[in-house]
Amino acid sequence: MSEAAHRHDDWSRALFTQLKDAGVRLFSFIPDAGNARISEMAYDDNETRCVLLTTEEEGIALAAGADLVGEKSVVMMQSSGVGNCPNFLSFVKGGNFPILLLVSMRGDFGEQNPWQYPMGQAVEPILDAMGVLTFRVDKKEDLEEVASAAINSAFKGGNAAALILSQQFLGAKAF
């Protein structure tokens, strides 16, 4: 395993453990390099369930359903997928469902693909407009504290919350 892959595995394992310790049992996702290791861990863990989504908004509905039966979940997506979610986020807001999103960013720090910038710049304003609190991780040393704040906001505070993993944290992609 390369040093970069090992670092990615370290923070992914720490975040997966933190989510699982908070009672998250349902991990839904659209495949992305930012959530790849976490979704693999959820697949491999006997106490969690991992669901591959066809669209990001499908994950919002799953999270609401999980809450209705007393389960905790996380919906994992890339920043571009946030643009697919406002209609379903209005459902979350209207129904007062707690929800936790894990958003891996494109279109910010070090981005080399000009097509990623518009949605990257719109993520936080869209989430804010839909009443989703945002918690941004830019440095590895901030992950545990920021993730804890997002997890507690969702599952103890009953809010919609998004844990945003910036490209400064994840590393900018060259494509």
C-alpha atoms as a PDB file:
ATOM      1  CA  MET A   1       0.000   0.000   0.000  1.00  0.00           C
ATOM      2  CA  SER A   2       1.391   3.424  -0.957  1.00  0.00           C
ATOM      3  CA  GLU A   3       1.949   6.046   1.729  1.00  0.00           C
ATOM      4  CA  ALA A   4      -0.963   8.152   0.365  1.00  0.00           C
ATOM      5  CA  ALA A   5      -3.261   5.100   0.357  1.00  0.00           C
ATOM      6  CA  HIS A   6      -2.164   4.259   3.911  1.00  0.00           C
ATOM      7  CA  ARG A   7      -2.998   7.805   5.112  1.00  0.00           C
ATOM      8  CA  HIS A   8      -6.416   7.543   3.406  1.00  0.00           C
ATOM      9  CA  ASP A   9      -7.001   4.197   5.111  1.00  0.00           C
ATOM     10  CA  ASP A  10      -6.029   5.659   8.515  1.00  0.00           C
ATOM     11  CA  TRP A  11      -8.533   8.520   8.490  1.00  0.00           C
ATOM     12  CA  SER A  12     -11.213   6.362   6.834  1.00  0.00           C
ATOM     13  CA  ARG A  13     -10.870   3.721   9.537  1.00  0.00           C
ATOM     14  CA  ALA A  14     -10.975   6.366  12.277  1.00  0.00           C
ATOM     15  CA  LEU A  15     -14.091   7.970  10.806  1.00  0.00           C
ATOM     16  CA  PHE A  16     -15.808   4.614  10.214  1.00  0.00           C
ATOM     17  CA  THR A  17     -15.142   3.672  13.850  1.00  0.00           C
ATOM     18  CA  GLN A  18     -16.430   7.029  15.051  1.00  0.00           C
ATOM     19  CA  LEU A  19     -19.633   6.636  13.026  1.00  0.00           C
ATOM     20  CA  LYS A  20     -20.138   3.051  14.173  1.00  0.00           C
ATOM     21  CA  ASP A  21     -19.504   4.012  17.822  1.00  0.00           C
ATOM     22  CA  ALA A  22     -22.219   6.681  17.421  1.00  0.00           C
ATOM     23  CA  GLY A  23     -24.669   3.944  16.416  1.00  0.00           C
ATOM     24  CA  VAL A  24     -24.619   4.376  12.641  1.00  0.00           C
ATOM     25  CA  ARG A  25     -25.570   1.028  11.106  1.00  0.00           C
ATOM     26  CA  LEU A  26     -26.713   2.026   7.608  1.00  0.00           C
ATOM     27  CA  PHE A  27     -24.121   3.412   5.192  1.00  0.00           C
ATOM     28  CA  SER A  28     -25.552   4.460   1.827  1.00  0.00           C
ATOM     29  CA  PHE A  29     -23.348   5.850  -0.913  1.00  0.00           C
ATOM     30  CA  ILE A  30     -22.662   6.865  -4.460  1.00  0.00           C
ATOM     31  CA  PRO A  31     -19.145   5.552  -5.225  1.00  0.00           C
ATOM     32  CA  ASP A  32     -16.382   8.112  -4.862  1.00  0.00           C
ATOM     33  CA  ALA A  33     -12.706   7.974  -3.935  1.00  0.00           C
ATOM     34  CA  GLY A  34     -13.478  10.044  -0.828  1.00  0.00           C
ATOM     35  CA  ASN A  35     -15.844   7.432   0.613  1.00  0.00           C
ATOM     36  CA  ALA A  36     -14.437   4.259  -0.979  1.00  0.00           C
ATOM     37  CA  ARG A  37     -12.665   2.859   2.085  1.00  0.00           C
ATOM     38  CA  ILE A  38     -15.546   3.693   4.438  1.00  0.00           C
ATOM     39  CA  SER A  39     -18.050   1.926   2.190  1.00  0.00           C
ATOM     40  CA  GLU A  40     -15.704  -1.096   1.930  1.00  0.00           C
ATOM     41  CA  MET A  41     -15.449  -1.219   5.717  1.00  0.00           C
ATOM     42  CA  ALA A  42     -19.231  -1.033   6.044  1.00  0.00           C
ATOM     43  CA  TYR A  43     -19.598  -3.907   3.540  1.00  0.00           C
ATOM     44  CA  ASP A  44     -17.107  -6.009   5.478  1.00  0.00           C
ATOM     45  CA  ASP A  45     -18.512  -5.295   8.943  1.00  0.00           C
ATOM     46  CA  ASN A  46     -21.147  -7.730  10.227  1.00  0.00           C
ATOM     47  CA  GLU A  47     -22.862  -5.035  12.311  1.00  0.00           C
ATOM     48  CA  THR A  48     -23.404  -2.533   9.495  1.00  0.00           C
ATOM     49  CA  ARG A  49     -25.264  -2.490   6.228  1.00  0.00           C
ATOM     50  CA  CYS A  50     -23.960  -0.772   3.101  1.00  0.00           C
ATOM     51  CA  VAL A  51     -26.312   0.244   0.289  1.00  0.00           C
ATOM     52  CA  LEU A  52     -25.134   1.309  -3.157  1.00  0.00           C
ATOM     53  CA  LEU A  53     -27.388   4.121  -4.391  1.00  0.00           C
ATOM     54  CA  THR A  54     -28.431   4.953  -7.935  1.00  0.00           C
ATOM     55  CA  THR A  55     -28.949   8.635  -6.984  1.00  0.00           C
ATOM     56  CA  GLU A  56     -27.998  10.738  -3.983  1.00  0.00           C
ATOM     57  CA  GLU A  57     -31.599  11.649  -3.165  1.00  0.00           C
ATOM     58  CA  GLU A  58     -32.352   7.944  -2.765  1.00  0.00           C
ATOM     59  CA  GLY A  59     -29.992   8.056   0.224  1.00  0.00           C
ATOM     60  CA  ILE A  60     -31.964  10.915   1.759  1.00  0.00           C
ATOM     61  CA  ALA A  61     -35.128   8.783   1.625  1.00  0.00           C
ATOM     62  CA  LEU A  62     -33.270   5.789   3.122  1.00  0.00           C
ATOM     63  CA  ALA A  63     -31.986   7.959   5.973  1.00  0.00           C
ATOM     64  CA  ALA A  64     -35.502   9.213   6.735  1.00  0.00           C
ATOM     65  CA  GLY A  65     -36.806   5.638   6.697  1.00  0.00           C
ATOM     66  CA  ALA A  66     -33.987   4.518   8.984  1.00  0.00           C
ATOM     67  CA  ASP A  67     -34.898   7.255  11.453  1.00  0.00           C
ATOM     68  CA  LEU A  68     -38.541   6.145  11.423  1.00  0.00           C
ATOM     69  CA  VAL A  69     -37.480   2.701  12.693  1.00  0.00           C
ATOM     70  CA  GLY A  70     -34.988   4.099  15.212  1.00  0.00           C
ATOM     71  CA  GLU A  71     -31.808   3.485  13.198  1.00  0.00           C
ATOM     72  CA  LYS A  72     -28.968   5.876  12.429  1.00  0.00           C
ATOM     73  CA  SER A  73     -27.495   6.248   8.978  1.00  0.00           C
ATOM     74  CA  VAL A  74     -25.063   8.255   6.906  1.00  0.00           C
ATOM     75  CA  VAL A  75     -25.433   9.215   3.245  1.00  0.00           C
ATOM     76  CA  MET A  76     -22.066   9.462   1.452  1.00  0.00           C
ATOM     77  CA  MET A  77     -21.622  11.400  -1.786  1.00  0.00           C
ATOM     78  CA  GLN A  78     -19.315  13.625  -3.781  1.00  0.00           C
ATOM     79  CA  SER A  79     -20.014  17.353  -3.773  1.00  0.00           C
ATOM     80  CA  SER A  80     -21.563  17.249  -7.251  1.00  0.00           C
ATOM     81  CA  GLY A  81     -24.314  15.012  -5.868  1.00  0.00           C
ATOM     82  CA  VAL A  82     -25.481  17.687  -3.438  1.00  0.00           C
ATOM     83  CA  GLY A  83     -27.113  19.399  -6.414  1.00  0.00           C
ATOM     84  CA  ASN A  84     -29.448  16.414  -6.797  1.00  0.00           C
ATOM     85  CA  CYS A  85     -30.764  16.638  -3.232  1.00  0.00           C
ATOM     86  CA  PRO A  86     -32.668  19.908  -2.525  1.00  0.00           C
ATOM     87  CA  ASN A  87     -36.135  18.510  -3.215  1.00  0.00           C
ATOM     88  CA  PHE A  88     -35.549  15.568  -0.873  1.00  0.00           C
ATOM     89  CA  LEU A  89     -33.862  17.816   1.691  1.00  0.00           C
ATOM     90  CA  SER A  90     -37.100  19.827   1.823  1.00  0.00           C
ATOM     91  CA  PHE A  91     -38.774  16.545   2.833  1.00  0.00           C
ATOM     92  CA  VAL A  92     -36.188  16.132   5.606  1.00  0.00           C
ATOM     93  CA  LYS A  93     -36.737  19.696   6.778  1.00  0.00           C
ATOM     94  CA  GLY A  94     -40.526  19.418   6.658  1.00  0.00           C
ATOM     95  CA  GLY A  95     -40.512  16.057   8.439  1.00  0.00           C
ATOM     96  CA  ASN A  96     -37.855  17.175  10.924  1.00  0.00           C
ATOM     97  CA  PHE A  97     -35.728  14.088  10.250  1.00  0.00           C
ATOM     98  CA  PRO A  98     -32.188  14.033  11.610  1.00  0.00           C
ATOM     99  CA  ILE A  99     -29.799  13.234   8.794  1.00  0.00           C
ATOM    100  CA  LEU A 100     -26.053  12.961   8.396  1.00  0.00           C
ATOM    101  CA  LEU A 101     -24.402  13.516   5.033  1.00  0.00           C
ATOM    102  CA  LEU A 102     -20.744  12.805   4.313  1.00  0.00           C
ATOM    103  CA  VAL A 103     -19.683  14.987   1.371  1.00  0.00           C
ATOM    104  CA  SER A 104     -16.287  14.585  -0.308  1.00  0.00           C
ATOM    105  CA  MET A 105     -15.465  17.800  -2.104  1.00  0.00           C
ATOM    106  CA  ARG A 106     -14.459  18.644  -5.635  1.00  0.00           C
ATOM    107  CA  GLY A 107     -14.103  22.152  -6.970  1.00  0.00           C
ATOM    108  CA  ASP A 108     -12.157  23.651  -4.102  1.00  0.00           C
ATOM    109  CA  PHE A 109      -8.526  23.563  -2.885  1.00  0.00           C
ATOM    110  CA  GLY A 110      -6.201  22.519  -5.708  1.00  0.00           C
ATOM    111  CA  GLU A 111      -8.923  21.474  -8.150  1.00  0.00           C
ATOM    112  CA  GLN A 112      -7.616  21.032 -11.697  1.00  0.00           C
ATOM    113  CA  ASN A 113     -10.900  20.292 -13.459  1.00  0.00           C
ATOM    114  CA  PRO A 114     -12.694  23.562 -14.295  1.00  0.00           C
ATOM    115  CA  TRP A 115     -16.040  21.740 -14.580  1.00  0.00           C
ATOM    116  CA  GLN A 116     -15.963  20.910 -10.868  1.00  0.00           C
ATOM    117  CA  TYR A 117     -15.819  24.519  -9.624  1.00  0.00           C
ATOM    118  CA  PRO A 118     -19.451  25.641 -10.102  1.00  0.00           C
ATOM    119  CA  MET A 119     -20.942  22.845  -8.005  1.00  0.00           C
ATOM    120  CA  GLY A 120     -18.043  22.926  -5.562  1.00  0.00           C
ATOM    121  CA  GLN A 121     -18.826  26.570  -4.859  1.00  0.00           C
ATOM    122  CA  ALA A 122     -22.557  25.859  -4.537  1.00  0.00           C
ATOM    123  CA  VAL A 123     -22.398  23.009  -1.992  1.00  0.00           C
ATOM    124  CA  GLU A 124     -22.455  24.999   1.227  1.00  0.00           C
ATOM    125  CA  PRO A 125     -24.962  27.639  -0.006  1.00  0.00           C
ATOM    126  CA  ILE A 126     -27.343  24.858  -1.151  1.00  0.00           C
ATOM    127  CA  LEU A 127     -27.034  22.992   2.139  1.00  0.00           C
ATOM    128  CA  ASP A 128     -27.482  26.219   4.099  1.00  0.00           C
ATOM    129  CA  ALA A 129     -30.591  27.129   2.095  1.00  0.00           C
ATOM    130  CA  MET A 130     -32.067  23.709   2.883  1.00  0.00           C
ATOM    131  CA  GLY A 131     -31.380  24.027   6.618  1.00  0.00           C
ATOM    132  CA  VAL A 132     -28.482  21.562   6.691  1.00  0.00           C
ATOM    133  CA  LEU A 133     -25.729  22.529   9.123  1.00  0.00           C
ATOM    134  CA  THR A 134     -22.251  22.186   7.616  1.00  0.00           C
ATOM    135  CA  PHE A 135     -19.112  20.982   9.349  1.00  0.00           C
ATOM    136  CA  ARG A 136     -15.952  21.264   7.229  1.00  0.00           C
ATOM    137  CA  VAL A 137     -12.713  19.307   7.633  1.00  0.00           C
ATOM    138  CA  ASP A 138      -9.623  20.911   6.096  1.00  0.00           C
ATOM    139  CA  LYS A 139      -6.891  19.262   8.218  1.00  0.00           C
ATOM    140  CA  LYS A 140      -6.391  15.703   9.416  1.00  0.00           C
ATOM    141  CA  GLU A 141      -5.988  16.814  13.019  1.00  0.00           C
ATOM    142  CA  ASP A 142      -9.490  18.356  12.921  1.00  0.00           C
ATOM    143  CA  LEU A 143     -11.329  15.252  11.662  1.00  0.00           C
ATOM    144  CA  GLU A 144     -12.309  13.682  14.987  1.00  0.00           C
ATOM    145  CA  GLU A 145     -13.556  16.915  16.560  1.00  0.00           C
ATOM    146  CA  VAL A 146     -15.442  18.140  13.488  1.00  0.00           C
ATOM    147  CA  ALA A 147     -16.936  14.697  12.814  1.00  0.00           C
ATOM    148  CA  SER A 148     -18.067  14.510  16.435  1.00  0.00           C
ATOM    149  CA  ALA A 149     -19.764  17.897  16.120  1.00  0.00           C
ATOM    150  CA  ALA A 150     -21.598  16.811  12.948  1.00  0.00           C
ATOM    151  CA  ILE A 151     -22.595  13.425  14.388  1.00  0.00           C
ATOM    152  CA  ASN A 152     -23.868  15.002  17.619  1.00  0.00           C
ATOM    153  CA  SER A 153     -25.720  17.715  15.730  1.00  0.00           C
ATOM    154  CA  ALA A 154     -27.583  15.086  13.727  1.00  0.00           C
ATOM    155  CA  PHE A 155     -28.195  12.323  16.224  1.00  0.00           C
ATOM    156  CA  LYS A 156     -28.330  14.146  19.558  1.00  0.00           C
ATOM    157  CA  GLY A 157     -29.526  17.537  18.319  1.00  0.00           C
ATOM    158  CA  GLY A 158     -31.989  16.160  15.773  1.00  0.00           C
ATOM    159  CA  ASN A 159     -30.661  18.282  12.911  1.00  0.00           C
ATOM    160  CA  ALA A 160     -29.733  17.770   9.303  1.00  0.00           C
ATOM    161  CA  ALA A 161     -25.924  17.935   9.208  1.00  0.00           C
ATOM    162  CA  ALA A 162     -23.230  17.534   6.577  1.00  0.00           C
ATOM    163  CA  LEU A 163     -19.647  16.543   7.298  1.00  0.00           C
ATOM    164  CA  ILE A 164     -17.709  18.074   4.423  1.00  0.00           C
ATOM    165  CA  LEU A 165     -14.291  16.626   3.612  1.00  0.00           C
ATOM    166  CA  SER A 166     -12.441  19.324   1.668  1.00  0.00           C
ATOM    167  CA  GLN A 167      -9.915  18.684  -1.077  1.00  0.00           C
ATOM    168  CA  GLN A 168      -7.308  20.190   1.221  1.00  0.00           C
ATOM    169  CA  PHE A 169      -8.056  17.277   3.566  1.00  0.00           C
ATOM    170  CA  LEU A 170      -8.608  14.579   0.901  1.00  0.00           C
ATOM    171  CA  GLY A 171      -5.993  15.756  -1.568  1.00  0.00           C
ATOM    172  CA  ALA A 172      -6.801  17.354  -4.899  1.00  0.00           C
ATOM    173  CA  LYS A 173      -7.456  15.031  -7.823  1.00  0.00           C
ATOM    174  CA  ALA A 174      -5.521  15.552 -11.033  1.00  0.00           C
ATOM    175  CA  PHE A 175      -8.563  14.918 -13.270  1.00  0.00           C
END
